[in-house]
Amino acid sequence: MMVKKSRKNKGKKIFAGWKPSPLKGSFMVTAIVGFLISAYYVYPQNLSLGFACMFIFMLMFIAAIISMTKAPVAEY
């Protein structure tokens, strides 16, 4: 991965080529609902599958938060 430094950023690293894409709000809702269902129904029945599902939905939620804060706003 290429790291580009400029005078503007004064030592902050910018990863060239990485741009977060805007995600829909339903993606975040799916992450929240999926995590709750996994925590309350799947985890008590099967620990490893429940943990794996909760981990995936947690990653989805983090991706939605990053997209919400860093993605460019689309103008219509």
PDB file of N, CA and C in Angstrom:
ATOM      1  N   MET A   1       0.847  -1.170   0.000  1.00  0.00           N
ATOM      2  CA  MET A   1       0.000   0.000   0.000  1.00  0.00           C
ATOM      3  C   MET A   1       0.893   1.234   0.000  1.00  0.00           C
ATOM      4  N   MET A   2       0.574   2.167  -0.838  1.00  0.00           N
ATOM      5  CA  MET A   2       1.385   3.376  -0.939  1.00  0.00           C
ATOM      6  C   MET A   2       0.973   4.372   0.137  1.00  0.00           C
ATOM      7  N   VAL A   3       1.962   4.948   0.784  1.00  0.00           N
ATOM      8  CA  VAL A   3       1.702   5.971   1.786  1.00  0.00           C
ATOM      9  C   VAL A   3       2.213   7.294   1.236  1.00  0.00           C
ATOM     10  N   LYS A   4       1.347   8.276   1.241  1.00  0.00           N
ATOM     11  CA  LYS A   4       1.692   9.575   0.677  1.00  0.00           C
ATOM     12  C   LYS A   4       1.689  10.611   1.797  1.00  0.00           C
ATOM     13  N   LYS A   5       2.761  11.394   1.889  1.00  0.00           N
ATOM     14  CA  LYS A   5       2.837  12.467   2.869  1.00  0.00           C
ATOM     15  C   LYS A   5       2.829  13.799   2.134  1.00  0.00           C
ATOM     16  N   SER A   6       2.166  14.747   2.693  1.00  0.00           N
ATOM     17  CA  SER A   6       2.165  16.083   2.098  1.00  0.00           C
ATOM     18  C   SER A   6       2.405  17.112   3.190  1.00  0.00           C
ATOM     19  N   ARG A   7       2.683  18.322   2.777  1.00  0.00           N
ATOM     20  CA  ARG A   7       2.936  19.382   3.754  1.00  0.00           C
ATOM     21  C   ARG A   7       1.671  19.756   4.501  1.00  0.00           C
ATOM     22  N   LYS A   8       0.536  19.605   3.847  1.00  0.00           N
ATOM     23  CA  LYS A   8      -0.735  19.932   4.489  1.00  0.00           C
ATOM     24  C   LYS A   8      -0.988  19.079   5.727  1.00  0.00           C
ATOM     25  N   ASN A   9      -0.697  17.805   5.615  1.00  0.00           N
ATOM     26  CA  ASN A   9      -1.040  16.861   6.679  1.00  0.00           C
ATOM     27  C   ASN A   9      -0.002  16.811   7.795  1.00  0.00           C
ATOM     28  N   LYS A  10       1.183  17.294   7.553  1.00  0.00           N
ATOM     29  CA  LYS A  10       2.259  17.370   8.541  1.00  0.00           C
ATOM     30  C   LYS A  10       2.487  16.051   9.286  1.00  0.00           C
ATOM     31  N   GLY A  11       2.834  15.018   8.535  1.00  0.00           N
ATOM     32  CA  GLY A  11       3.173  13.755   9.143  1.00  0.00           C
ATOM     33  C   GLY A  11       2.029  12.761   9.233  1.00  0.00           C
ATOM     34  N   LYS A  12       0.800  13.163   8.968  1.00  0.00           N
ATOM     35  CA  LYS A  12      -0.304  12.206   8.989  1.00  0.00           C
ATOM     36  C   LYS A  12      -0.218  11.327   7.754  1.00  0.00           C
ATOM     37  N   LYS A  13      -0.444  10.055   7.938  1.00  0.00           N
ATOM     38  CA  LYS A  13      -0.360   9.132   6.821  1.00  0.00           C
ATOM     39  C   LYS A  13      -1.716   9.044   6.124  1.00  0.00           C
ATOM     40  N   ILE A  14      -1.676   9.085   4.813  1.00  0.00           N
ATOM     41  CA  ILE A  14      -2.883   8.923   4.015  1.00  0.00           C
ATOM     42  C   ILE A  14      -2.654   7.718   3.121  1.00  0.00           C
ATOM     43  N   PHE A  15      -3.550   6.751   3.164  1.00  0.00           N
ATOM     44  CA  PHE A  15      -3.416   5.581   2.327  1.00  0.00           C
ATOM     45  C   PHE A  15      -4.039   5.883   0.972  1.00  0.00           C
ATOM     46  N   ALA A  16      -3.195   5.960  -0.024  1.00  0.00           N
ATOM     47  CA  ALA A  16      -3.665   6.276  -1.371  1.00  0.00           C
ATOM     48  C   ALA A  16      -4.470   5.102  -1.910  1.00  0.00           C
ATOM     49  N   GLY A  17      -5.596   5.399  -2.479  1.00  0.00           N
ATOM     50  CA  GLY A  17      -6.422   4.359  -3.082  1.00  0.00           C
ATOM     51  C   GLY A  17      -7.516   3.822  -2.184  1.00  0.00           C
ATOM     52  N   TRP A  18      -7.513   4.168  -0.907  1.00  0.00           N
ATOM     53  CA  TRP A  18      -8.558   3.683  -0.007  1.00  0.00           C
ATOM     54  C   TRP A  18      -9.583   4.766   0.218  1.00  0.00           C
ATOM     55  N   LYS A  19     -10.794   4.516  -0.279  1.00  0.00           N
ATOM     56  CA  LYS A  19     -11.889   5.453  -0.085  1.00  0.00           C
ATOM     57  C   LYS A  19     -13.096   4.670   0.388  1.00  0.00           C
ATOM     58  N   PRO A  20     -13.641   4.996   1.543  1.00  0.00           N
ATOM     59  CA  PRO A  20     -14.821   4.270   2.013  1.00  0.00           C
ATOM     60  C   PRO A  20     -16.024   4.590   1.144  1.00  0.00           C
ATOM     61  N   SER A  21     -16.840   3.592   0.922  1.00  0.00           N
ATOM     62  CA  SER A  21     -18.030   3.810   0.109  1.00  0.00           C
ATOM     63  C   SER A  21     -19.225   4.095   1.022  1.00  0.00           C
ATOM     64  N   PRO A  22     -20.144   4.913   0.559  1.00  0.00           N
ATOM     65  CA  PRO A  22     -21.342   5.179   1.375  1.00  0.00           C
ATOM     66  C   PRO A  22     -22.241   3.945   1.413  1.00  0.00           C
ATOM     67  N   LEU A  23     -22.667   3.571   2.598  1.00  0.00           N
ATOM     68  CA  LEU A  23     -23.549   2.420   2.774  1.00  0.00           C
ATOM     69  C   LEU A  23     -24.943   2.901   3.143  1.00  0.00           C
ATOM     70  N   LYS A  24     -25.928   2.083   2.847  1.00  0.00           N
ATOM     71  CA  LYS A  24     -27.313   2.429   3.160  1.00  0.00           C
ATOM     72  C   LYS A  24     -27.572   2.285   4.656  1.00  0.00           C
ATOM     73  N   GLY A  25     -28.614   2.951   5.113  1.00  0.00           N
ATOM     74  CA  GLY A  25     -29.002   2.854   6.515  1.00  0.00           C
ATOM     75  C   GLY A  25     -29.481   1.458   6.887  1.00  0.00           C
ATOM     76  N   SER A  26     -30.030   0.737   5.918  1.00  0.00           N
ATOM     77  CA  SER A  26     -30.499  -0.620   6.187  1.00  0.00           C
ATOM     78  C   SER A  26     -29.342  -1.557   6.524  1.00  0.00           C
ATOM     79  N   PHE A  27     -28.138  -1.229   6.060  1.00  0.00           N
ATOM     80  CA  PHE A  27     -26.963  -2.037   6.397  1.00  0.00           C
ATOM     81  C   PHE A  27     -26.693  -1.970   7.892  1.00  0.00           C
ATOM     82  N   MET A  28     -26.804  -0.772   8.465  1.00  0.00           N
ATOM     83  CA  MET A  28     -26.591  -0.613   9.901  1.00  0.00           C
ATOM     84  C   MET A  28     -27.708  -1.287  10.707  1.00  0.00           C
ATOM     85  N   VAL A  29     -28.929  -1.150  10.236  1.00  0.00           N
ATOM     86  CA  VAL A  29     -30.056  -1.787  10.925  1.00  0.00           C
ATOM     87  C   VAL A  29     -29.897  -3.301  10.903  1.00  0.00           C
ATOM     88  N   THR A  30     -29.459  -3.854   9.772  1.00  0.00           N
ATOM     89  CA  THR A  30     -29.225  -5.295   9.671  1.00  0.00           C
ATOM     90  C   THR A  30     -28.136  -5.733  10.647  1.00  0.00           C
ATOM     91  N   ALA A  31     -27.096  -4.929  10.787  1.00  0.00           N
ATOM     92  CA  ALA A  31     -26.013  -5.260  11.709  1.00  0.00           C
ATOM     93  C   ALA A  31     -26.508  -5.277  13.154  1.00  0.00           C
ATOM     94  N   ILE A  32     -27.310  -4.297  13.527  1.00  0.00           N
ATOM     95  CA  ILE A  32     -27.811  -4.220  14.906  1.00  0.00           C
ATOM     96  C   ILE A  32     -28.774  -5.368  15.199  1.00  0.00           C
ATOM     97  N   VAL A  33     -29.735  -5.570  14.309  1.00  0.00           N
ATOM     98  CA  VAL A  33     -30.729  -6.634  14.520  1.00  0.00           C
ATOM     99  C   VAL A  33     -30.061  -8.006  14.490  1.00  0.00           C
ATOM    100  N   GLY A  34     -29.138  -8.205  13.555  1.00  0.00           N
ATOM    101  CA  GLY A  34     -28.423  -9.479  13.483  1.00  0.00           C
ATOM    102  C   GLY A  34     -27.613  -9.760  14.732  1.00  0.00           C
ATOM    103  N   PHE A  35     -26.964  -8.726  15.276  1.00  0.00           N
ATOM    104  CA  PHE A  35     -26.188  -8.915  16.501  1.00  0.00           C
ATOM    105  C   PHE A  35     -27.103  -9.290  17.670  1.00  0.00           C
ATOM    106  N   LEU A  36     -28.236  -8.600  17.787  1.00  0.00           N
ATOM    107  CA  LEU A  36     -29.159  -8.898  18.890  1.00  0.00           C
ATOM    108  C   LEU A  36     -29.745 -10.296  18.775  1.00  0.00           C
ATOM    109  N   ILE A  37     -30.134 -10.690  17.571  1.00  0.00           N
ATOM    110  CA  ILE A  37     -30.668 -12.049  17.383  1.00  0.00           C
ATOM    111  C   ILE A  37     -29.597 -13.084  17.688  1.00  0.00           C
ATOM    112  N   SER A  38     -28.383 -12.826  17.249  1.00  0.00           N
ATOM    113  CA  SER A  38     -27.291 -13.761  17.529  1.00  0.00           C
ATOM    114  C   SER A  38     -27.002 -13.855  19.018  1.00  0.00           C
ATOM    115  N   ALA A  39     -27.070 -12.729  19.710  1.00  0.00           N
ATOM    116  CA  ALA A  39     -26.758 -12.723  21.144  1.00  0.00           C
ATOM    117  C   ALA A  39     -27.835 -13.425  21.971  1.00  0.00           C
ATOM    118  N   TYR A  40     -29.099 -13.236  21.622  1.00  0.00           N
ATOM    119  CA  TYR A  40     -30.180 -13.764  22.454  1.00  0.00           C
ATOM    120  C   TYR A  40     -30.676 -15.143  22.051  1.00  0.00           C
ATOM    121  N   TYR A  41     -30.558 -15.507  20.759  1.00  0.00           N
ATOM    122  CA  TYR A  41     -31.090 -16.797  20.326  1.00  0.00           C
ATOM    123  C   TYR A  41     -30.011 -17.802  19.918  1.00  0.00           C
ATOM    124  N   VAL A  42     -29.004 -17.358  19.196  1.00  0.00           N
ATOM    125  CA  VAL A  42     -28.013 -18.297  18.668  1.00  0.00           C
ATOM    126  C   VAL A  42     -26.944 -18.611  19.706  1.00  0.00           C
ATOM    127  N   TYR A  43     -26.417 -17.605  20.375  1.00  0.00           N
ATOM    128  CA  TYR A  43     -25.323 -17.814  21.339  1.00  0.00           C
ATOM    129  C   TYR A  43     -25.666 -18.796  22.464  1.00  0.00           C
ATOM    130  N   PRO A  44     -26.854 -18.722  23.068  1.00  0.00           N
ATOM    131  CA  PRO A  44     -27.149 -19.710  24.116  1.00  0.00           C
ATOM    132  C   PRO A  44     -27.253 -21.151  23.600  1.00  0.00           C
ATOM    133  N   GLN A  45     -27.617 -21.313  22.337  1.00  0.00           N
ATOM    134  CA  GLN A  45     -27.766 -22.665  21.784  1.00  0.00           C
ATOM    135  C   GLN A  45     -26.435 -23.256  21.316  1.00  0.00           C
ATOM    136  N   ASN A  46     -25.627 -22.420  20.667  1.00  0.00           N
ATOM    137  CA  ASN A  46     -24.359 -22.883  20.113  1.00  0.00           C
ATOM    138  C   ASN A  46     -23.331 -21.758  20.299  1.00  0.00           C
ATOM    139  N   LEU A  47     -22.400 -21.950  21.219  1.00  0.00           N
ATOM    140  CA  LEU A  47     -21.472 -20.887  21.588  1.00  0.00           C
ATOM    141  C   LEU A  47     -20.575 -20.437  20.438  1.00  0.00           C
ATOM    142  N   SER A  48     -19.998 -21.377  19.716  1.00  0.00           N
ATOM    143  CA  SER A  48     -19.056 -20.992  18.659  1.00  0.00           C
ATOM    144  C   SER A  48     -19.776 -20.323  17.484  1.00  0.00           C
ATOM    145  N   LEU A  49     -20.920 -20.839  17.075  1.00  0.00           N
ATOM    146  CA  LEU A  49     -21.671 -20.220  15.983  1.00  0.00           C
ATOM    147  C   LEU A  49     -22.222 -18.860  16.408  1.00  0.00           C
ATOM    148  N   GLY A  50     -22.688 -18.755  17.635  1.00  0.00           N
ATOM    149  CA  GLY A  50     -23.197 -17.485  18.132  1.00  0.00           C
ATOM    150  C   GLY A  50     -22.116 -16.428  18.202  1.00  0.00           C
ATOM    151  N   PHE A  51     -20.939 -16.812  18.671  1.00  0.00           N
ATOM    152  CA  PHE A  51     -19.828 -15.864  18.733  1.00  0.00           C
ATOM    153  C   PHE A  51     -19.409 -15.427  17.338  1.00  0.00           C
ATOM    154  N   ALA A  52     -19.349 -16.372  16.399  1.00  0.00           N
ATOM    155  CA  ALA A  52     -18.962 -16.042  15.029  1.00  0.00           C
ATOM    156  C   ALA A  52     -19.960 -15.083  14.388  1.00  0.00           C
ATOM    157  N   CYS A  53     -21.241 -15.325  14.583  1.00  0.00           N
ATOM    158  CA  CYS A  53     -22.265 -14.444  14.025  1.00  0.00           C
ATOM    159  C   CYS A  53     -22.200 -13.057  14.666  1.00  0.00           C
ATOM    160  N   MET A  54     -22.031 -13.008  15.986  1.00  0.00           N
ATOM    161  CA  MET A  54     -21.929 -11.710  16.650  1.00  0.00           C
ATOM    162  C   MET A  54     -20.695 -10.947  16.164  1.00  0.00           C
ATOM    163  N   PHE A  55     -19.604 -11.646  15.935  1.00  0.00           N
ATOM    164  CA  PHE A  55     -18.390 -11.005  15.452  1.00  0.00           C
ATOM    165  C   PHE A  55     -18.603 -10.410  14.057  1.00  0.00           C
ATOM    166  N   ILE A  56     -19.243 -11.161  13.173  1.00  0.00           N
ATOM    167  CA  ILE A  56     -19.512 -10.676  11.811  1.00  0.00           C
ATOM    168  C   ILE A  56     -20.423  -9.455  11.853  1.00  0.00           C
ATOM    169  N   PHE A  57     -21.490  -9.508  12.651  1.00  0.00           N
ATOM    170  CA  PHE A  57     -22.404  -8.376  12.728  1.00  0.00           C
ATOM    171  C   PHE A  57     -21.747  -7.162  13.394  1.00  0.00           C
ATOM    172  N   MET A  58     -20.820  -7.395  14.311  1.00  0.00           N
ATOM    173  CA  MET A  58     -20.084  -6.297  14.920  1.00  0.00           C
ATOM    174  C   MET A  58     -19.185  -5.626  13.874  1.00  0.00           C
ATOM    175  N   LEU A  59     -18.544  -6.426  13.026  1.00  0.00           N
ATOM    176  CA  LEU A  59     -17.730  -5.862  11.948  1.00  0.00           C
ATOM    177  C   LEU A  59     -18.589  -5.069  10.962  1.00  0.00           C
ATOM    178  N   MET A  60     -19.784  -5.563  10.687  1.00  0.00           N
ATOM    179  CA  MET A  60     -20.698  -4.820   9.813  1.00  0.00           C
ATOM    180  C   MET A  60     -21.060  -3.475  10.429  1.00  0.00           C
ATOM    181  N   PHE A  61     -21.302  -3.454  11.734  1.00  0.00           N
ATOM    182  CA  PHE A  61     -21.653  -2.208  12.414  1.00  0.00           C
ATOM    183  C   PHE A  61     -20.493  -1.221  12.372  1.00  0.00           C
ATOM    184  N   ILE A  62     -19.277  -1.707  12.587  1.00  0.00           N
ATOM    185  CA  ILE A  62     -18.100  -0.843  12.525  1.00  0.00           C
ATOM    186  C   ILE A  62     -17.927  -0.277  11.117  1.00  0.00           C
ATOM    187  N   ALA A  63     -18.161  -1.110  10.103  1.00  0.00           N
ATOM    188  CA  ALA A  63     -18.074  -0.629   8.720  1.00  0.00           C
ATOM    189  C   ALA A  63     -19.118   0.447   8.449  1.00  0.00           C
ATOM    190  N   ALA A  64     -20.315   0.292   9.009  1.00  0.00           N
ATOM    191  CA  ALA A  64     -21.357   1.296   8.820  1.00  0.00           C
ATOM    192  C   ALA A  64     -20.980   2.606   9.504  1.00  0.00           C
ATOM    193  N   ILE A  65     -20.373   2.533  10.676  1.00  0.00           N
ATOM    194  CA  ILE A  65     -19.937   3.743  11.381  1.00  0.00           C
ATOM    195  C   ILE A  65     -18.832   4.452  10.590  1.00  0.00           C
ATOM    196  N   ILE A  66     -17.868   3.694  10.082  1.00  0.00           N
ATOM    197  CA  ILE A  66     -16.797   4.289   9.283  1.00  0.00           C
ATOM    198  C   ILE A  66     -17.374   4.931   8.030  1.00  0.00           C
ATOM    199  N   SER A  67     -18.295   4.245   7.394  1.00  0.00           N
ATOM    200  CA  SER A  67     -18.926   4.793   6.199  1.00  0.00           C
ATOM    201  C   SER A  67     -19.700   6.068   6.508  1.00  0.00           C
ATOM    202  N   MET A  68     -20.326   6.110   7.649  1.00  0.00           N
ATOM    203  CA  MET A  68     -21.121   7.267   8.019  1.00  0.00           C
ATOM    204  C   MET A  68     -20.238   8.487   8.282  1.00  0.00           C
ATOM    205  N   THR A  69     -19.040   8.269   8.799  1.00  0.00           N
ATOM    206  CA  THR A  69     -18.195   9.401   9.159  1.00  0.00           C
ATOM    207  C   THR A  69     -17.197   9.791   8.067  1.00  0.00           C
ATOM    208  N   LYS A  70     -16.722   8.839   7.274  1.00  0.00           N
ATOM    209  CA  LYS A  70     -15.631   9.105   6.336  1.00  0.00           C
ATOM    210  C   LYS A  70     -16.045   9.155   4.868  1.00  0.00           C
ATOM    211  N   ALA A  71     -17.171   8.565   4.502  1.00  0.00           N
ATOM    212  CA  ALA A  71     -17.544   8.482   3.088  1.00  0.00           C
ATOM    213  C   ALA A  71     -17.988   9.842   2.564  1.00  0.00           C
ATOM    214  N   PRO A  72     -17.727  10.098   1.292  1.00  0.00           N
ATOM    215  CA  PRO A  72     -18.163  11.374   0.717  1.00  0.00           C
ATOM    216  C   PRO A  72     -19.683  11.409   0.591  1.00  0.00           C
ATOM    217  N   VAL A  73     -20.231  12.606   0.719  1.00  0.00           N
ATOM    218  CA  VAL A  73     -21.670  12.773   0.632  1.00  0.00           C
ATOM    219  C   VAL A  73     -22.055  12.893  -0.834  1.00  0.00           C
ATOM    220  N   ALA A  74     -23.024  12.093  -1.246  1.00  0.00           N
ATOM    221  CA  ALA A  74     -23.485  12.136  -2.641  1.00  0.00           C
ATOM    222  C   ALA A  74     -24.438  13.296  -2.827  1.00  0.00           C
ATOM    223  N   GLU A  75     -24.203  14.058  -3.869  1.00  0.00           N
ATOM    224  CA  GLU A  75     -25.091  15.192  -4.173  1.00  0.00           C
ATOM    225  C   GLU A  75     -26.024  14.790  -5.299  1.00  0.00           C
ATOM    226  N   TYR A  76     -27.299  15.057  -5.139  1.00  0.00           N
ATOM    227  CA  TYR A  76     -28.278  14.676  -6.150  1.00  0.00           C
ATOM    228  C   TYR A  76     -28.750  15.891  -6.900  1.00  0.00           C
TER     229      TYR A  76
END
